[in-house]
Protein backbone atom coordinates (compact mmCIF):
# COMPACT_ATOMS: atom_id res chain seq x y z
CA MET A 1 58.31 69.15 158.64
CA ARG A 2 59.32 66.60 156.02
CA LYS A 3 56.54 64.30 157.17
CA SER A 4 53.96 67.11 156.96
CA ASN A 5 55.08 67.99 153.43
CA ALA A 6 54.88 64.35 152.35
CA ILE A 7 51.37 63.99 153.77
CA LEU A 8 50.23 67.23 152.12
CA THR A 9 51.60 66.05 148.79
CA LEU A 10 49.75 62.73 149.10
CA LEU A 11 46.50 64.52 149.93
CA LEU A 12 46.83 66.90 146.98
CA LEU A 13 47.54 64.02 144.60
CA ALA A 14 44.49 62.18 145.92
CA VAL A 15 42.26 65.23 145.40
CA VAL A 16 43.53 65.81 141.87
CA ALA A 17 43.04 62.15 140.96
CA ALA A 18 39.51 62.17 142.38
CA CYS A 19 38.52 65.31 140.46
CA ALA A 20 40.03 64.44 137.09
CA PRO A 21 37.49 62.95 134.68
CA SER A 22 38.44 59.68 133.04
CA THR A 23 37.45 59.15 129.40
CA LYS A 24 38.30 56.07 127.35
CA ILE A 25 37.23 54.69 124.00
CA THR A 26 35.71 51.27 124.64
CA GLY A 27 35.42 50.17 121.01
CA SER A 28 35.40 51.34 117.40
CA TRP A 29 34.48 50.10 113.91
CA LYS A 30 35.47 51.23 110.42
CA ALA A 31 33.64 50.39 107.21
CA PRO A 32 35.67 48.88 104.36
CA GLU A 33 34.31 51.56 102.03
CA ALA A 34 35.59 54.45 104.15
CA LYS A 35 37.31 57.11 102.04
CA ALA A 36 40.89 56.18 101.21
CA GLY A 37 43.31 58.69 102.68
CA GLY A 38 40.82 59.88 105.25
CA TYR A 39 38.40 62.79 105.50
CA SER A 40 39.56 66.40 105.58
CA SER A 41 36.45 68.50 106.28
CA ILE A 42 34.13 67.41 109.08
CA PHE A 43 30.73 68.77 110.09
CA VAL A 44 30.38 68.20 113.86
CA THR A 45 27.02 67.94 115.63
CA ALA A 46 26.22 66.89 119.22
CA LEU A 47 22.72 65.41 119.45
CA THR A 48 21.39 67.03 122.61
CA ASP A 49 18.82 69.67 123.47
CA LYS A 50 21.17 71.11 126.13
CA LEU A 51 22.61 74.07 124.25
CA VAL A 52 25.62 74.71 126.51
CA ALA A 53 26.69 71.07 126.34
CA ARG A 54 26.15 70.97 122.58
CA GLN A 55 28.14 74.11 121.92
CA THR A 56 30.98 73.19 124.29
CA ILE A 57 31.48 69.70 122.85
CA GLU A 58 31.23 70.83 119.23
CA ASN A 59 33.63 73.74 119.76
CA ASP A 60 36.24 71.59 121.55
CA ILE A 61 36.18 68.92 118.84
CA ASP A 62 36.37 71.62 116.15
CA ALA A 63 39.34 73.22 117.87
CA ILE A 64 41.41 70.06 118.30
CA LEU A 65 40.76 68.95 114.71
CA LYS A 66 41.74 72.36 113.34
CA GLU A 67 45.00 72.24 115.32
CA ASP A 68 45.98 69.22 113.23
CA GLY A 69 44.95 70.69 109.90
CA ILE A 70 41.46 69.21 109.60
CA THR A 71 38.67 71.58 108.56
CA ALA A 72 35.86 71.32 111.13
CA ASN A 73 32.71 73.30 111.80
CA SER A 74 30.07 73.33 114.51
CA SER A 75 26.50 72.56 113.49
CA PHE A 76 25.01 75.80 114.88
CA ASP A 77 25.33 77.68 111.58
CA ILE A 78 23.25 75.06 109.74
CA ILE A 79 21.19 73.39 112.49
CA PRO A 80 19.81 76.14 114.78
CA PRO A 81 18.49 75.54 118.32
CA GLY A 82 14.97 74.11 118.28
CA PHE A 83 15.45 72.47 114.89
CA LYS A 84 12.84 69.81 114.11
CA ALA A 85 13.88 66.78 112.07
CA THR A 86 11.40 66.30 109.22
CA PRO A 87 11.86 64.75 105.74
CA GLU A 88 11.80 68.23 104.21
CA ASN A 89 14.37 69.61 106.65
CA LYS A 90 16.60 66.58 106.14
CA GLU A 91 17.14 67.35 102.46
CA ALA A 92 17.90 70.99 103.21
CA ILE A 93 20.40 70.12 105.95
CA VAL A 94 22.29 67.56 103.86
CA SER A 95 22.43 69.94 100.91
CA ALA A 96 23.77 72.75 103.13
CA ILE A 97 26.47 70.46 104.58
CA GLN A 98 27.56 69.37 101.11
CA ALA A 99 27.50 72.94 99.80
CA ALA A 100 29.82 73.99 102.64
CA GLY A 101 32.40 71.55 101.29
CA HIS A 102 32.27 68.97 104.07
CA ASP A 103 33.09 65.39 103.14
CA ALA A 104 32.06 63.86 106.49
CA ILE A 105 29.48 64.32 109.26
CA LEU A 106 30.39 63.45 112.87
CA THR A 107 27.54 62.95 115.35
CA ILE A 108 27.89 62.60 119.13
CA ALA A 109 25.07 61.14 121.23
CA LEU A 110 24.62 60.08 124.86
CA LEU A 111 23.70 56.38 124.98
CA ASP A 112 23.34 55.87 128.74
CA GLN A 113 24.35 57.10 132.17
CA THR A 114 24.70 55.08 135.37
CA SER A 115 25.64 55.55 139.02
CA GLU A 116 27.66 53.03 141.03
CA THR A 117 28.39 53.16 144.76
CA ARG A 118 31.67 51.68 145.98
CA TYR A 119 33.52 51.51 149.30
CA VAL A 120 36.90 53.22 149.50
CA PRO A 121 38.93 51.62 152.34
CA GLY A 122 40.79 53.75 154.85
CA THR A 123 44.53 54.34 154.65
CA THR A 124 47.31 54.78 157.18
CA MET A 125 49.87 57.41 156.22
CA TYR A 126 53.50 56.65 157.05
CA SER A 127 56.53 58.72 156.12
CA PRO A 128 59.89 57.03 156.86
CA MET A 129 62.73 59.02 158.42
CA GLY A 130 66.42 58.49 159.06
CA TYR A 131 67.80 56.99 162.27
CA GLY A 132 68.40 59.29 165.20
CA GLY A 133 66.04 62.03 166.30
CA TYR A 134 62.70 60.41 167.15
CA TYR A 135 64.32 56.98 166.81
CA GLY A 136 66.77 57.81 169.61
CA ARG A 137 64.37 57.16 172.52
CA PHE A 138 61.32 54.94 172.88
CA TYR A 139 58.92 57.66 173.99
CA GLY A 140 60.05 60.13 171.35
CA TYR A 141 59.21 57.59 168.66
CA TYR A 142 56.00 56.44 170.39
CA SER A 143 54.63 59.94 170.91
CA TYR A 144 55.44 60.95 167.33
CA TYR A 145 53.43 58.11 165.81
CA ASN A 146 50.62 57.96 168.37
CA PRO A 147 48.00 58.60 167.27
CA VAL A 148 48.84 57.29 163.80
CA MET A 149 47.40 59.46 161.02
CA TYR A 150 44.48 57.45 159.65
CA ASP A 151 42.10 58.35 156.87
CA PRO A 152 38.83 56.45 157.49
CA GLY A 153 37.04 54.59 154.72
CA TYR A 154 33.99 56.02 153.00
CA TYR A 155 31.41 55.32 150.31
CA ALA A 156 31.76 57.07 146.95
CA THR A 157 29.36 57.23 144.03
CA ASP A 158 30.81 57.03 140.53
CA LYS A 159 28.84 58.56 137.68
CA ASN A 160 29.45 56.94 134.30
CA TYR A 161 28.44 58.37 130.94
CA TYR A 162 28.42 56.32 127.73
CA LEU A 163 28.55 58.14 124.39
CA GLU A 164 28.50 57.03 120.77
CA MET A 165 30.24 58.78 117.91
CA ASN A 166 29.21 58.07 114.32
CA LEU A 167 30.87 59.41 111.19
CA TYR A 168 28.99 59.47 107.88
CA ASP A 169 30.22 60.12 104.38
CA ALA A 170 28.66 63.47 103.43
CA GLN A 171 28.03 62.45 99.81
CA THR A 172 26.56 58.98 100.28
CA GLU A 173 25.30 59.48 103.87
CA ALA A 174 26.65 55.98 104.62
CA LEU A 175 28.00 55.16 108.08
CA VAL A 176 31.78 54.70 107.73
CA TRP A 177 32.99 54.82 111.35
CA SER A 178 31.53 54.33 114.80
CA ALA A 179 33.01 54.39 118.31
CA GLN A 180 31.80 54.27 121.90
CA SER A 181 33.29 55.96 124.94
CA GLU A 182 32.94 55.79 128.71
CA THR A 183 33.55 58.76 131.00
CA THR A 184 33.70 58.50 134.79
CA ASN A 185 33.02 61.33 137.24
CA PRO A 186 33.22 64.46 135.08
CA SER A 187 33.29 67.50 137.34
CA SER A 188 31.90 69.83 134.66
CA ILE A 189 30.96 69.86 131.00
CA GLU A 190 34.10 71.92 130.30
CA SER A 191 36.55 69.44 131.84
CA PHE A 192 34.75 66.49 130.27
CA SER A 193 34.57 68.04 126.83
CA LYS A 194 38.30 68.65 126.47
CA THR A 195 39.35 65.11 127.46
CA PHE A 196 36.53 63.69 125.32
CA ALA A 197 37.62 65.68 122.26
CA GLN A 198 41.20 64.44 122.67
CA SER A 199 40.03 60.83 122.92
CA VAL A 200 37.81 61.12 119.84
CA GLU A 201 40.53 62.70 117.69
CA TYR A 202 43.07 60.08 118.81
CA GLN A 203 40.73 57.26 117.74
CA LEU A 204 39.90 58.92 114.42
CA ILE A 205 43.62 59.13 113.63
CA LYS A 206 44.31 55.60 114.89
CA ASP A 207 41.54 54.16 112.70
CA GLY A 208 42.72 56.06 109.62
CA ILE A 209 39.60 58.21 109.35
CA ILE A 210 41.62 61.45 109.44
CA THR A 211 45.28 62.25 108.90
CA LYS A 212 47.26 65.03 110.55
CA LYS A 213 48.38 67.67 108.07
């Protein structure tokens, strides 16, 4: 029974690890002229025509920033679906962002996506036990471990997504911060978005772009 429980635990841990998306910031840059003391009101916009993805990412970043006292708003109120970027629209958008009191604009864009196939070697599961019992006789031990529980190897395909985050000063429109991230094997936009939002906020704080209130 103890061996069965140990094996089940190992299997569950393996499944959880395989399903959990991995997001990491691969690099960041901060301009010398970035606002001293950090920005406190951020306009967030995801640059994608996929409305569900856009709304999910913007809302999750808004939520995590607001938890730490930073004013944040999704772009949907100012940039509606189907918006076309023209010189005339640009002036109207920037004016609306400034009028709303935002001092920074955060954009999120997908740079690239790749697929990589790798071989996952098989594993033999072994759960040690105390002396006595199956160890008492040769055949008891032999029959217990024969056949040995073996998980055969297999090929797995990793999906990698590379995103870029840029933060602009809302008054000057100058780029003051940029970062890139890599996410591996997201199971859904929802699971990806939450871990992504956490990674972005962590880097913004680390680089002194925002400060927790």
